[in-house]
Amino acid sequence: MKAKLLIHLFGSSLMGMGISLLIWLELGVDTISLLYLGIQQYYALPIWLLCLLFNLIVVLLVCLIKRNEIGLGTVINFLVLTLCLKYFPLFLIRFSPDSLSWIFQGALLLAGVGILAVGCGMYASANLGSAALESLSTAVSKKF
């Protein structure tokens, strides 16, 4: 159990780092981050807070529909993602993606996608529960 938890934590951290890198580059993001960025156009809230609020709402919905779809990993995943989205950009803020060559930006884009993909694979392989949105999809599917 301890090893699974560490794998899940590390995978979720990698996901947060990959997402942060993609947001910083402004060359494309995952679908949920795109939602956060869209909401941010209307409400001046930081991405990490939007992530936290969105996941809390989704987990609440899952609890109302089919509570057993929520696992320890569901909560850990969004909390770790939230922390990474809050603190990892502090390392990136020192640099400007505009000052980088397009080749280096492309390499960082591939690195961000790769980091995100490896993180997703690690957190999923730990089998401690799906992320909030996946839990909602499964709960709705099983309920209806």
N, C-alpha and C. Protein backbone atom coordinates (compact mmCIF):
# COMPACT_ATOMS: atom_id res chain seq x y z
N MET A 1 0.83 -1.20 0.00
CA MET A 1 0.00 0.00 0.00
C MET A 1 0.87 1.26 0.00
N LYS A 2 1.97 1.22 0.77
CA LYS A 2 2.84 2.37 0.85
C LYS A 2 3.49 2.68 -0.50
N ALA A 3 3.91 1.62 -1.20
CA ALA A 3 4.53 1.81 -2.51
C ALA A 3 3.51 2.38 -3.50
N LYS A 4 2.29 1.86 -3.47
CA LYS A 4 1.24 2.38 -4.35
C LYS A 4 0.97 3.85 -4.08
N LEU A 5 0.93 4.21 -2.82
CA LEU A 5 0.69 5.60 -2.44
C LEU A 5 1.80 6.51 -2.95
N LEU A 6 3.05 6.07 -2.82
CA LEU A 6 4.18 6.86 -3.32
C LEU A 6 4.13 7.01 -4.83
N ILE A 7 3.79 5.93 -5.52
CA ILE A 7 3.68 5.98 -6.98
C ILE A 7 2.56 6.95 -7.37
N HIS A 8 1.44 6.88 -6.67
CA HIS A 8 0.32 7.77 -6.94
C HIS A 8 0.70 9.23 -6.70
N LEU A 9 1.36 9.50 -5.59
CA LEU A 9 1.79 10.86 -5.26
C LEU A 9 2.77 11.40 -6.30
N PHE A 10 3.73 10.57 -6.68
CA PHE A 10 4.72 10.99 -7.66
C PHE A 10 4.08 11.22 -9.02
N GLY A 11 3.18 10.32 -9.41
CA GLY A 11 2.48 10.47 -10.68
C GLY A 11 1.63 11.72 -10.71
N SER A 12 0.90 11.98 -9.65
CA SER A 12 0.08 13.19 -9.57
C SER A 12 0.95 14.44 -9.60
N SER A 13 2.10 14.38 -8.95
CA SER A 13 3.04 15.51 -8.97
C SER A 13 3.56 15.76 -10.38
N LEU A 14 3.90 14.70 -11.08
CA LEU A 14 4.35 14.84 -12.46
C LEU A 14 3.25 15.45 -13.33
N MET A 15 2.02 15.00 -13.10
CA MET A 15 0.89 15.58 -13.85
C MET A 15 0.82 17.09 -13.62
N GLY A 16 0.91 17.51 -12.38
CA GLY A 16 0.85 18.92 -12.04
C GLY A 16 2.00 19.71 -12.65
N MET A 17 3.18 19.12 -12.66
CA MET A 17 4.34 19.78 -13.26
C MET A 17 4.17 19.90 -14.77
N GLY A 18 3.69 18.83 -15.40
CA GLY A 18 3.47 18.87 -16.84
C GLY A 18 2.42 19.89 -17.23
N ILE A 19 1.33 19.92 -16.49
CA ILE A 19 0.26 20.90 -16.77
C ILE A 19 0.78 22.32 -16.56
N SER A 20 1.52 22.54 -15.49
CA SER A 20 2.09 23.87 -15.22
C SER A 20 3.00 24.31 -16.36
N LEU A 21 3.83 23.40 -16.84
CA LEU A 21 4.74 23.71 -17.94
C LEU A 21 3.96 24.07 -19.20
N LEU A 22 2.91 23.31 -19.49
CA LEU A 22 2.10 23.59 -20.67
C LEU A 22 1.39 24.94 -20.57
N ILE A 23 0.86 25.25 -19.41
CA ILE A 23 0.19 26.54 -19.20
C ILE A 23 1.21 27.67 -19.36
N TRP A 24 2.39 27.50 -18.81
CA TRP A 24 3.42 28.53 -18.88
C TRP A 24 3.86 28.78 -20.32
N LEU A 25 3.98 27.72 -21.10
CA LEU A 25 4.41 27.86 -22.49
C LEU A 25 3.38 28.56 -23.37
N GLU A 26 2.11 28.43 -23.02
CA GLU A 26 1.00 29.01 -23.80
C GLU A 26 0.98 28.49 -25.24
N LEU A 27 1.30 27.21 -25.41
CA LEU A 27 1.27 26.59 -26.74
C LEU A 27 0.20 25.51 -26.83
N GLY A 28 -0.56 25.32 -25.78
CA GLY A 28 -1.60 24.29 -25.75
C GLY A 28 -1.63 23.64 -24.39
N VAL A 29 -2.81 23.21 -23.99
CA VAL A 29 -2.99 22.60 -22.67
C VAL A 29 -3.96 21.43 -22.78
N ASP A 30 -4.09 20.71 -21.69
CA ASP A 30 -5.08 19.64 -21.64
C ASP A 30 -6.48 20.25 -21.54
N THR A 31 -7.50 19.42 -21.71
CA THR A 31 -8.88 19.93 -21.81
C THR A 31 -9.37 20.62 -20.53
N ILE A 32 -9.06 20.06 -19.38
CA ILE A 32 -9.55 20.67 -18.13
C ILE A 32 -8.83 21.99 -17.88
N SER A 33 -7.54 22.05 -18.17
CA SER A 33 -6.81 23.31 -18.00
C SER A 33 -7.36 24.37 -18.95
N LEU A 34 -7.80 23.95 -20.13
CA LEU A 34 -8.42 24.89 -21.06
C LEU A 34 -9.70 25.47 -20.45
N LEU A 35 -10.46 24.63 -19.77
CA LEU A 35 -11.65 25.11 -19.06
C LEU A 35 -11.26 26.13 -18.00
N TYR A 36 -10.23 25.82 -17.21
CA TYR A 36 -9.77 26.76 -16.18
C TYR A 36 -9.34 28.09 -16.79
N LEU A 37 -8.60 28.02 -17.90
CA LEU A 37 -8.13 29.24 -18.55
C LEU A 37 -9.31 30.05 -19.11
N GLY A 38 -10.34 29.36 -19.59
CA GLY A 38 -11.53 30.05 -20.07
C GLY A 38 -12.27 30.74 -18.95
N ILE A 39 -12.42 30.06 -17.83
CA ILE A 39 -13.08 30.67 -16.67
C ILE A 39 -12.27 31.85 -16.17
N GLN A 40 -10.95 31.71 -16.24
CA GLN A 40 -10.07 32.77 -15.76
C GLN A 40 -10.22 34.06 -16.58
N GLN A 41 -10.73 33.95 -17.80
CA GLN A 41 -10.97 35.14 -18.62
C GLN A 41 -12.09 36.02 -18.01
N TYR A 42 -12.98 35.39 -17.25
CA TYR A 42 -14.12 36.10 -16.67
C TYR A 42 -13.96 36.38 -15.18
N TYR A 43 -13.24 35.52 -14.51
CA TYR A 43 -13.03 35.66 -13.07
C TYR A 43 -11.54 35.62 -12.79
N ALA A 44 -11.04 36.62 -12.13
CA ALA A 44 -9.60 36.73 -11.87
C ALA A 44 -9.19 35.82 -10.72
N LEU A 45 -9.31 34.52 -10.95
CA LEU A 45 -8.91 33.54 -9.95
C LEU A 45 -7.69 32.78 -10.46
N PRO A 46 -6.77 32.43 -9.58
CA PRO A 46 -5.61 31.67 -10.03
C PRO A 46 -6.01 30.25 -10.47
N ILE A 47 -5.21 29.69 -11.36
CA ILE A 47 -5.49 28.37 -11.91
C ILE A 47 -5.60 27.32 -10.80
N TRP A 48 -4.71 27.40 -9.81
CA TRP A 48 -4.73 26.39 -8.75
C TRP A 48 -6.06 26.42 -7.99
N LEU A 49 -6.61 27.62 -7.78
CA LEU A 49 -7.88 27.73 -7.07
C LEU A 49 -9.03 27.21 -7.92
N LEU A 50 -8.99 27.49 -9.22
CA LEU A 50 -10.01 26.96 -10.12
C LEU A 50 -9.96 25.44 -10.14
N CYS A 51 -8.76 24.89 -10.13
CA CYS A 51 -8.58 23.43 -10.09
C CYS A 51 -9.21 22.87 -8.81
N LEU A 52 -8.90 23.47 -7.70
CA LEU A 52 -9.44 23.02 -6.41
C LEU A 52 -10.97 23.09 -6.39
N LEU A 53 -11.52 24.23 -6.79
CA LEU A 53 -12.98 24.41 -6.78
C LEU A 53 -13.67 23.45 -7.74
N PHE A 54 -13.14 23.31 -8.94
CA PHE A 54 -13.73 22.39 -9.92
C PHE A 54 -13.75 20.96 -9.38
N ASN A 55 -12.62 20.51 -8.84
CA ASN A 55 -12.54 19.14 -8.35
C ASN A 55 -13.42 18.92 -7.13
N LEU A 56 -13.53 19.91 -6.26
CA LEU A 56 -14.43 19.78 -5.11
C LEU A 56 -15.88 19.63 -5.57
N ILE A 57 -16.27 20.43 -6.57
CA ILE A 57 -17.64 20.34 -7.10
C ILE A 57 -17.87 18.98 -7.74
N VAL A 58 -16.90 18.50 -8.52
CA VAL A 58 -17.05 17.21 -9.19
C VAL A 58 -17.11 16.08 -8.16
N VAL A 59 -16.27 16.12 -7.15
CA VAL A 59 -16.30 15.07 -6.11
C VAL A 59 -17.64 15.10 -5.38
N LEU A 60 -18.15 16.28 -5.11
CA LEU A 60 -19.46 16.40 -4.47
C LEU A 60 -20.54 15.77 -5.35
N LEU A 61 -20.51 16.04 -6.64
CA LEU A 61 -21.47 15.42 -7.57
C LEU A 61 -21.35 13.90 -7.56
N VAL A 62 -20.12 13.41 -7.56
CA VAL A 62 -19.92 11.95 -7.54
C VAL A 62 -20.48 11.37 -6.25
N CYS A 63 -20.27 12.05 -5.14
CA CYS A 63 -20.81 11.57 -3.86
C CYS A 63 -22.33 11.50 -3.90
N LEU A 64 -22.96 12.44 -4.58
CA LEU A 64 -24.42 12.43 -4.68
C LEU A 64 -24.92 11.32 -5.62
N ILE A 65 -24.14 11.01 -6.64
CA ILE A 65 -24.58 10.03 -7.63
C ILE A 65 -24.22 8.60 -7.22
N LYS A 66 -22.95 8.37 -6.93
CA LYS A 66 -22.48 7.02 -6.60
C LYS A 66 -21.20 7.13 -5.79
N ARG A 67 -21.36 7.23 -4.50
CA ARG A 67 -20.28 7.53 -3.58
C ARG A 67 -19.10 6.56 -3.67
N ASN A 68 -19.34 5.30 -3.97
CA ASN A 68 -18.25 4.32 -3.95
C ASN A 68 -17.26 4.50 -5.11
N GLU A 69 -17.51 5.46 -5.99
CA GLU A 69 -16.56 5.75 -7.07
C GLU A 69 -15.41 6.63 -6.58
N ILE A 70 -15.56 7.20 -5.40
CA ILE A 70 -14.51 8.04 -4.83
C ILE A 70 -13.55 7.16 -4.04
N GLY A 71 -12.28 7.27 -4.38
CA GLY A 71 -11.25 6.53 -3.66
C GLY A 71 -10.24 7.49 -3.05
N LEU A 72 -9.33 6.94 -2.30
CA LEU A 72 -8.27 7.74 -1.70
C LEU A 72 -7.50 8.49 -2.79
N GLY A 73 -7.25 7.80 -3.90
CA GLY A 73 -6.51 8.40 -5.00
C GLY A 73 -7.23 9.56 -5.64
N THR A 74 -8.54 9.56 -5.61
CA THR A 74 -9.32 10.66 -6.18
C THR A 74 -9.00 11.96 -5.45
N VAL A 75 -9.00 11.90 -4.15
CA VAL A 75 -8.74 13.09 -3.34
C VAL A 75 -7.27 13.49 -3.41
N ILE A 76 -6.39 12.49 -3.29
CA ILE A 76 -4.95 12.78 -3.35
C ILE A 76 -4.60 13.44 -4.67
N ASN A 77 -5.16 12.91 -5.76
CA ASN A 77 -4.83 13.42 -7.08
C ASN A 77 -5.14 14.90 -7.20
N PHE A 78 -6.35 15.33 -6.85
CA PHE A 78 -6.65 16.74 -7.06
C PHE A 78 -5.97 17.65 -6.04
N LEU A 79 -5.69 17.15 -4.85
CA LEU A 79 -4.96 17.98 -3.89
C LEU A 79 -3.51 18.20 -4.33
N VAL A 80 -2.87 17.13 -4.80
CA VAL A 80 -1.49 17.24 -5.27
C VAL A 80 -1.44 18.11 -6.53
N LEU A 81 -2.40 17.92 -7.44
CA LEU A 81 -2.44 18.77 -8.64
C LEU A 81 -2.58 20.24 -8.26
N THR A 82 -3.46 20.51 -7.32
CA THR A 82 -3.68 21.88 -6.87
C THR A 82 -2.39 22.48 -6.31
N LEU A 83 -1.69 21.72 -5.47
CA LEU A 83 -0.43 22.21 -4.90
C LEU A 83 0.62 22.46 -5.97
N CYS A 84 0.70 21.54 -6.93
CA CYS A 84 1.67 21.71 -8.01
C CYS A 84 1.33 22.91 -8.88
N LEU A 85 0.05 23.12 -9.15
CA LEU A 85 -0.35 24.27 -9.95
C LEU A 85 -0.13 25.59 -9.21
N LYS A 86 -0.07 25.52 -7.89
CA LYS A 86 0.19 26.72 -7.11
C LYS A 86 1.69 27.02 -7.02
N TYR A 87 2.52 25.98 -6.78
CA TYR A 87 3.92 26.22 -6.46
C TYR A 87 4.90 25.99 -7.61
N PHE A 88 4.63 25.08 -8.52
CA PHE A 88 5.58 24.84 -9.61
C PHE A 88 5.76 26.06 -10.52
N PRO A 89 4.70 26.82 -10.82
CA PRO A 89 4.90 28.02 -11.65
C PRO A 89 5.85 29.05 -11.04
N LEU A 90 6.05 28.99 -9.72
CA LEU A 90 6.99 29.92 -9.09
C LEU A 90 8.41 29.69 -9.58
N PHE A 91 8.74 28.47 -9.99
CA PHE A 91 10.05 28.18 -10.57
C PHE A 91 10.13 28.66 -12.03
N LEU A 92 9.00 28.63 -12.71
CA LEU A 92 8.98 28.99 -14.13
C LEU A 92 8.90 30.50 -14.35
N ILE A 93 8.38 31.23 -13.37
CA ILE A 93 8.12 32.66 -13.53
C ILE A 93 9.41 33.45 -13.78
N ARG A 94 10.54 32.87 -13.41
CA ARG A 94 11.82 33.55 -13.61
C ARG A 94 12.19 33.68 -15.09
N PHE A 95 11.57 32.86 -15.90
CA PHE A 95 11.90 32.81 -17.32
C PHE A 95 10.68 33.24 -18.14
N SER A 96 10.93 33.67 -19.33
CA SER A 96 9.84 34.02 -20.25
C SER A 96 9.90 33.07 -21.43
N PRO A 97 8.78 32.40 -21.73
CA PRO A 97 8.82 31.49 -22.88
C PRO A 97 9.06 32.23 -24.19
N ASP A 98 8.75 33.52 -24.24
CA ASP A 98 8.96 34.30 -25.45
C ASP A 98 10.44 34.51 -25.75
N SER A 99 11.27 34.44 -24.72
CA SER A 99 12.70 34.65 -24.93
C SER A 99 13.40 33.38 -25.43
N LEU A 100 12.66 32.28 -25.49
CA LEU A 100 13.24 31.01 -25.95
C LEU A 100 13.05 30.85 -27.45
N SER A 101 13.96 30.14 -28.06
CA SER A 101 13.81 29.86 -29.49
C SER A 101 12.62 28.93 -29.70
N TRP A 102 12.07 28.94 -30.91
CA TRP A 102 10.90 28.10 -31.19
C TRP A 102 11.27 26.62 -31.10
N ILE A 103 12.51 26.29 -31.35
CA ILE A 103 12.95 24.88 -31.23
C ILE A 103 12.93 24.47 -29.76
N PHE A 104 13.44 25.35 -28.89
CA PHE A 104 13.45 25.04 -27.46
C PHE A 104 12.03 25.02 -26.90
N GLN A 105 11.19 25.94 -27.37
CA GLN A 105 9.79 25.93 -26.96
C GLN A 105 9.12 24.61 -27.37
N GLY A 106 9.40 24.17 -28.59
CA GLY A 106 8.85 22.88 -29.06
C GLY A 106 9.33 21.71 -28.22
N ALA A 107 10.61 21.75 -27.86
CA ALA A 107 11.16 20.68 -27.01
C ALA A 107 10.49 20.69 -25.63
N LEU A 108 10.27 21.89 -25.08
CA LEU A 108 9.59 22.00 -23.79
C LEU A 108 8.13 21.57 -23.90
N LEU A 109 7.49 21.85 -25.02
CA LEU A 109 6.12 21.39 -25.25
C LEU A 109 6.06 19.86 -25.24
N LEU A 110 6.97 19.23 -25.96
CA LEU A 110 7.02 17.77 -25.95
C LEU A 110 7.34 17.23 -24.56
N ALA A 111 8.24 17.92 -23.85
CA ALA A 111 8.57 17.50 -22.49
C ALA A 111 7.35 17.62 -21.58
N GLY A 112 6.61 18.72 -21.69
CA GLY A 112 5.41 18.91 -20.87
C GLY A 112 4.37 17.84 -21.12
N VAL A 113 4.13 17.52 -22.39
CA VAL A 113 3.18 16.47 -22.73
C VAL A 113 3.68 15.12 -22.21
N GLY A 114 4.97 14.88 -22.37
CA GLY A 114 5.55 13.61 -21.89
C GLY A 114 5.47 13.47 -20.38
N ILE A 115 5.80 14.54 -19.68
CA ILE A 115 5.73 14.52 -18.21
C ILE A 115 4.29 14.27 -17.76
N LEU A 116 3.35 14.94 -18.39
CA LEU A 116 1.93 14.76 -18.07
C LEU A 116 1.51 13.31 -18.34
N ALA A 117 1.93 12.76 -19.47
CA ALA A 117 1.54 11.39 -19.82
C ALA A 117 2.13 10.37 -18.86
N VAL A 118 3.39 10.53 -18.50
CA VAL A 118 4.02 9.60 -17.56
C VAL A 118 3.34 9.71 -16.20
N GLY A 119 3.04 10.94 -15.79
CA GLY A 119 2.34 11.14 -14.51
C GLY A 119 0.98 10.47 -14.50
N CYS A 120 0.23 10.61 -15.60
CA CYS A 120 -1.09 9.97 -15.70
C CYS A 120 -0.94 8.45 -15.60
N GLY A 121 0.04 7.92 -16.29
CA GLY A 121 0.26 6.47 -16.25
C GLY A 121 0.62 5.99 -14.86
N MET A 122 1.44 6.75 -14.17
CA MET A 122 1.86 6.35 -12.82
C MET A 122 0.69 6.39 -11.85
N TYR A 123 -0.06 7.50 -11.87
CA TYR A 123 -1.16 7.60 -10.91
C TYR A 123 -2.22 6.53 -11.19
N ALA A 124 -2.46 6.26 -12.47
CA ALA A 124 -3.46 5.25 -12.82
C ALA A 124 -3.00 3.85 -12.44
N SER A 125 -1.70 3.59 -12.59
CA SER A 125 -1.19 2.25 -12.30
C SER A 125 -1.22 1.92 -10.81
N ALA A 126 -1.30 2.94 -9.97
CA ALA A 126 -1.35 2.70 -8.52
C ALA A 126 -2.70 2.13 -8.09
N ASN A 127 -3.72 2.28 -8.91
CA ASN A 127 -5.06 1.74 -8.61
C ASN A 127 -5.61 2.19 -7.25
N LEU A 128 -5.46 3.46 -6.95
CA LEU A 128 -6.01 3.99 -5.70
C LEU A 128 -7.28 4.80 -5.91
N GLY A 129 -7.77 4.79 -7.12
CA GLY A 129 -8.99 5.53 -7.45
C GLY A 129 -8.76 6.46 -8.61
N SER A 130 -9.81 6.70 -9.34
CA SER A 130 -9.73 7.58 -10.51
C SER A 130 -9.68 9.03 -10.08
N ALA A 131 -9.25 9.87 -11.00
CA ALA A 131 -9.31 11.32 -10.76
C ALA A 131 -10.79 11.72 -10.71
N ALA A 132 -11.05 12.92 -10.26
CA ALA A 132 -12.42 13.36 -10.02
C ALA A 132 -13.29 13.27 -11.27
N LEU A 133 -12.83 13.78 -12.38
CA LEU A 133 -13.64 13.79 -13.59
C LEU A 133 -13.91 12.37 -14.11
N GLU A 134 -12.90 11.52 -14.04
CA GLU A 134 -13.10 10.12 -14.44
C GLU A 134 -14.09 9.42 -13.50
N SER A 135 -14.02 9.75 -12.22
CA SER A 135 -14.98 9.19 -11.27
C SER A 135 -16.40 9.62 -11.60
N LEU A 136 -16.56 10.88 -12.00
CA LEU A 136 -17.88 11.38 -12.38
C LEU A 136 -18.38 10.64 -13.62
N SER A 137 -17.53 10.46 -14.60
CA SER A 137 -17.92 9.73 -15.81
C SER A 137 -18.38 8.31 -15.49
N THR A 138 -17.61 7.64 -14.66
CA THR A 138 -17.95 6.27 -14.27
C THR A 138 -19.23 6.23 -13.46
N ALA A 139 -19.39 7.16 -12.52
CA ALA A 139 -20.59 7.19 -11.69
C ALA A 139 -21.83 7.43 -12.52
N VAL A 140 -21.77 8.38 -13.44
CA VAL A 140 -22.92 8.66 -14.31
C VAL A 140 -23.23 7.46 -15.18
N SER A 141 -22.19 6.84 -15.71
CA SER A 141 -22.39 5.68 -16.57
C SER A 141 -23.04 4.52 -15.81
N LYS A 142 -22.59 4.26 -14.60
CA LYS A 142 -23.16 3.16 -13.82
C LYS A 142 -24.57 3.48 -13.30
N LYS A 143 -24.81 4.74 -13.02
CA LYS A 143 -26.12 5.14 -12.48
C LYS A 143 -27.20 5.12 -13.55
N PHE A 144 -26.87 5.57 -14.76
CA PHE A 144 -27.87 5.70 -15.79
C PHE A 144 -27.62 4.73 -16.92
